[in-house]
Amino acid sequence: MTEHEQHESHGGVYFKVFLALCVFTLISVAADLVGMPNKIMLGAIVLAVAVAKALCVLMYFMHLKFERAWKYLLLVPTTIIALAIPVSLRPDIGASYYVQDIPQLRDYPEHEAATQSSSHH
């Protein structure tokens, strides 16, 4: 196979991946435009299509399909960090972020009572 023929075959693969990405985008848009009453199902469809598009880009445009197995070794520290960050931040943000401890809210009935009694005098 000559270099020109090899270049042509890569161009054909890239064009097919481009078409697949276009089809995936149309599926996402169509799922949203249909107006599905079940938003969880809509979210699952759109998320599945997004994952498929990401895999196409990763495998072909970033050439991960042609790499050896060492690429998985690089994912180990990335996965550890990606899981460690939310776990380590949960006590500070996730567990207490929505606790409503508003001193003004506790003092509001007293303030209202004082305002009511002073306006009657």
C-alpha atoms as a PDB file:
ATOM      1  CA  MET A   1       0.000   0.000   0.000  1.00  0.00           C
ATOM      2  CA  THR A   2       1.495   3.333  -1.010  1.00  0.00           C
ATOM      3  CA  GLU A   3       1.598   6.359   1.263  1.00  0.00           C
ATOM      4  CA  HIS A   4      -1.101   8.059  -0.823  1.00  0.00           C
ATOM      5  CA  GLU A   5      -3.436   5.046  -0.544  1.00  0.00           C
ATOM      6  CA  GLN A   6      -2.840   4.891   3.209  1.00  0.00           C
ATOM      7  CA  HIS A   7      -3.661   8.606   3.500  1.00  0.00           C
ATOM      8  CA  GLU A   8      -6.869   8.078   1.545  1.00  0.00           C
ATOM      9  CA  SER A   9      -7.934   5.228   3.834  1.00  0.00           C
ATOM     10  CA  HIS A  10      -7.391   7.392   6.925  1.00  0.00           C
ATOM     11  CA  GLY A  11      -9.407  10.166   5.322  1.00  0.00           C
ATOM     12  CA  GLY A  12     -12.261   7.736   4.734  1.00  0.00           C
ATOM     13  CA  VAL A  13     -12.177   6.582   8.361  1.00  0.00           C
ATOM     14  CA  TYR A  14     -12.174  10.170   9.623  1.00  0.00           C
ATOM     15  CA  PHE A  15     -15.098  11.049   7.378  1.00  0.00           C
ATOM     16  CA  LYS A  16     -17.070   8.039   8.665  1.00  0.00           C
ATOM     17  CA  VAL A  17     -16.355   9.078  12.256  1.00  0.00           C
ATOM     18  CA  PHE A  18     -17.456  12.621  11.398  1.00  0.00           C
ATOM     19  CA  LEU A  19     -20.719  11.268   9.985  1.00  0.00           C
ATOM     20  CA  ALA A  20     -21.221   9.126  13.092  1.00  0.00           C
ATOM     21  CA  LEU A  21     -20.715  12.231  15.273  1.00  0.00           C
ATOM     22  CA  CYS A  22     -23.295  14.098  13.193  1.00  0.00           C
ATOM     23  CA  VAL A  23     -25.789  11.232  13.574  1.00  0.00           C
ATOM     24  CA  PHE A  24     -25.174  11.110  17.336  1.00  0.00           C
ATOM     25  CA  THR A  25     -25.791  14.860  17.548  1.00  0.00           C
ATOM     26  CA  LEU A  26     -29.044  14.482  15.626  1.00  0.00           C
ATOM     27  CA  ILE A  27     -30.131  11.730  18.018  1.00  0.00           C
ATOM     28  CA  SER A  28     -29.488  14.013  21.010  1.00  0.00           C
ATOM     29  CA  VAL A  29     -31.380  16.914  19.444  1.00  0.00           C
ATOM     30  CA  ALA A  30     -34.269  14.681  18.350  1.00  0.00           C
ATOM     31  CA  ALA A  31     -34.567  13.164  21.823  1.00  0.00           C
ATOM     32  CA  ASP A  32     -34.800  16.652  23.293  1.00  0.00           C
ATOM     33  CA  LEU A  33     -37.255  17.971  20.690  1.00  0.00           C
ATOM     34  CA  VAL A  34     -39.626  15.010  21.069  1.00  0.00           C
ATOM     35  CA  GLY A  35     -40.524  16.337  24.508  1.00  0.00           C
ATOM     36  CA  MET A  36     -40.249  13.125  26.463  1.00  0.00           C
ATOM     37  CA  PRO A  37     -42.275  13.301  29.681  1.00  0.00           C
ATOM     38  CA  ASN A  38     -39.730  11.144  31.494  1.00  0.00           C
ATOM     39  CA  LYS A  39     -36.776  13.504  32.037  1.00  0.00           C
ATOM     40  CA  ILE A  40     -34.656  10.740  33.544  1.00  0.00           C
ATOM     41  CA  MET A  41     -34.956   8.735  30.334  1.00  0.00           C
ATOM     42  CA  LEU A  42     -34.130  11.842  28.276  1.00  0.00           C
ATOM     43  CA  GLY A  43     -31.075  12.459  30.438  1.00  0.00           C
ATOM     44  CA  ALA A  44     -29.976   8.846  30.064  1.00  0.00           C
ATOM     45  CA  ILE A  45     -30.318   9.000  26.269  1.00  0.00           C
ATOM     46  CA  VAL A  46     -28.437  12.271  25.966  1.00  0.00           C
ATOM     47  CA  LEU A  47     -25.722  11.046  28.338  1.00  0.00           C
ATOM     48  CA  ALA A  48     -25.334   7.759  26.446  1.00  0.00           C
ATOM     49  CA  VAL A  49     -25.018   9.632  23.155  1.00  0.00           C
ATOM     50  CA  ALA A  50     -22.455  11.997  24.714  1.00  0.00           C
ATOM     51  CA  VAL A  51     -20.405   9.027  25.902  1.00  0.00           C
ATOM     52  CA  ALA A  52     -20.556   7.465  22.425  1.00  0.00           C
ATOM     53  CA  LYS A  53     -19.399  10.738  20.866  1.00  0.00           C
ATOM     54  CA  ALA A  54     -16.571  11.069  23.383  1.00  0.00           C
ATOM     55  CA  LEU A  55     -15.448   7.517  22.664  1.00  0.00           C
ATOM     56  CA  CYS A  56     -15.398   8.199  18.913  1.00  0.00           C
ATOM     57  CA  VAL A  57     -13.259  11.299  19.434  1.00  0.00           C
ATOM     58  CA  LEU A  58     -10.941   9.527  21.881  1.00  0.00           C
ATOM     59  CA  MET A  59     -10.469   6.419  19.794  1.00  0.00           C
ATOM     60  CA  TYR A  60     -10.011   7.963  16.341  1.00  0.00           C
ATOM     61  CA  PHE A  61      -9.112  11.653  16.539  1.00  0.00           C
ATOM     62  CA  MET A  62      -6.869  11.239  19.595  1.00  0.00           C
ATOM     63  CA  HIS A  63      -5.527   7.956  18.143  1.00  0.00           C
ATOM     64  CA  LEU A  64      -6.066   5.947  21.333  1.00  0.00           C
ATOM     65  CA  LYS A  65      -7.344   3.027  19.283  1.00  0.00           C
ATOM     66  CA  PHE A  66      -3.863   2.532  17.924  1.00  0.00           C
ATOM     67  CA  GLU A  67      -1.963   2.830  21.228  1.00  0.00           C
ATOM     68  CA  ARG A  68      -0.795  -0.113  23.277  1.00  0.00           C
ATOM     69  CA  ALA A  69      -2.233  -1.156  26.626  1.00  0.00           C
ATOM     70  CA  TRP A  70      -0.026   1.291  28.576  1.00  0.00           C
ATOM     71  CA  LYS A  71      -2.729   3.933  28.042  1.00  0.00           C
ATOM     72  CA  TYR A  72      -4.731   2.168  30.763  1.00  0.00           C
ATOM     73  CA  LEU A  73      -1.823   2.571  33.166  1.00  0.00           C
ATOM     74  CA  LEU A  74      -2.098   6.324  32.694  1.00  0.00           C
ATOM     75  CA  LEU A  75      -5.761   6.208  33.660  1.00  0.00           C
ATOM     76  CA  VAL A  76      -5.069   4.783  37.139  1.00  0.00           C
ATOM     77  CA  PRO A  77      -3.735   7.974  38.787  1.00  0.00           C
ATOM     78  CA  THR A  78      -6.300  10.081  36.947  1.00  0.00           C
ATOM     79  CA  THR A  79      -9.125   7.893  38.237  1.00  0.00           C
ATOM     80  CA  ILE A  80      -7.745   7.959  41.782  1.00  0.00           C
ATOM     81  CA  ILE A  81      -7.598  11.764  41.752  1.00  0.00           C
ATOM     82  CA  ALA A  82     -11.021  12.072  40.125  1.00  0.00           C
ATOM     83  CA  LEU A  83     -12.550   9.925  42.869  1.00  0.00           C
ATOM     84  CA  ALA A  84     -10.515  11.407  45.719  1.00  0.00           C
ATOM     85  CA  ILE A  85     -11.474  15.031  45.112  1.00  0.00           C
ATOM     86  CA  PRO A  86     -15.253  14.666  45.665  1.00  0.00           C
ATOM     87  CA  VAL A  87     -14.720  12.225  48.537  1.00  0.00           C
ATOM     88  CA  SER A  88     -12.300  14.569  50.291  1.00  0.00           C
ATOM     89  CA  LEU A  89     -14.492  17.645  49.738  1.00  0.00           C
ATOM     90  CA  ARG A  90     -17.732  16.022  50.860  1.00  0.00           C
ATOM     91  CA  PRO A  91     -17.315  16.789  54.579  1.00  0.00           C
ATOM     92  CA  ASP A  92     -16.726  20.480  53.855  1.00  0.00           C
ATOM     93  CA  ILE A  93     -19.159  21.086  51.022  1.00  0.00           C
ATOM     94  CA  GLY A  94     -21.535  18.197  50.473  1.00  0.00           C
ATOM     95  CA  ALA A  95     -22.495  17.375  54.045  1.00  0.00           C
ATOM     96  CA  SER A  96     -23.060  20.890  55.382  1.00  0.00           C
ATOM     97  CA  TYR A  97     -23.662  23.108  52.379  1.00  0.00           C
ATOM     98  CA  TYR A  98     -27.452  23.022  52.580  1.00  0.00           C
ATOM     99  CA  VAL A  99     -27.812  23.216  56.341  1.00  0.00           C
ATOM    100  CA  GLN A 100     -29.731  26.399  57.029  1.00  0.00           C
ATOM    101  CA  ASP A 101     -28.426  28.009  60.161  1.00  0.00           C
ATOM    102  CA  ILE A 102     -29.514  31.603  59.730  1.00  0.00           C
ATOM    103  CA  PRO A 103     -29.453  33.597  62.979  1.00  0.00           C
ATOM    104  CA  GLN A 104     -31.778  36.251  61.532  1.00  0.00           C
ATOM    105  CA  LEU A 105     -34.356  33.563  60.874  1.00  0.00           C
ATOM    106  CA  ARG A 106     -34.310  32.498  64.531  1.00  0.00           C
ATOM    107  CA  ASP A 107     -34.582  36.111  65.742  1.00  0.00           C
ATOM    108  CA  TYR A 108     -37.302  37.093  63.258  1.00  0.00           C
ATOM    109  CA  PRO A 109     -40.353  36.248  65.458  1.00  0.00           C
ATOM    110  CA  GLU A 110     -38.932  38.336  68.340  1.00  0.00           C
ATOM    111  CA  HIS A 111     -38.191  41.198  65.977  1.00  0.00           C
ATOM    112  CA  GLU A 112     -41.696  41.046  64.506  1.00  0.00           C
ATOM    113  CA  ALA A 113     -43.254  40.983  67.968  1.00  0.00           C
ATOM    114  CA  ALA A 114     -41.195  44.003  69.025  1.00  0.00           C
ATOM    115  CA  THR A 115     -42.105  45.847  65.838  1.00  0.00           C
ATOM    116  CA  GLN A 116     -45.797  45.005  66.271  1.00  0.00           C
ATOM    117  CA  SER A 117     -45.877  46.165  69.903  1.00  0.00           C
ATOM    118  CA  SER A 118     -44.039  49.423  69.184  1.00  0.00           C
ATOM    119  CA  SER A 119     -46.338  50.270  66.283  1.00  0.00           C
ATOM    120  CA  HIS A 120     -49.448  49.835  68.482  1.00  0.00           C
ATOM    121  CA  HIS A 121     -48.215  52.403  71.018  1.00  0.00           C
END
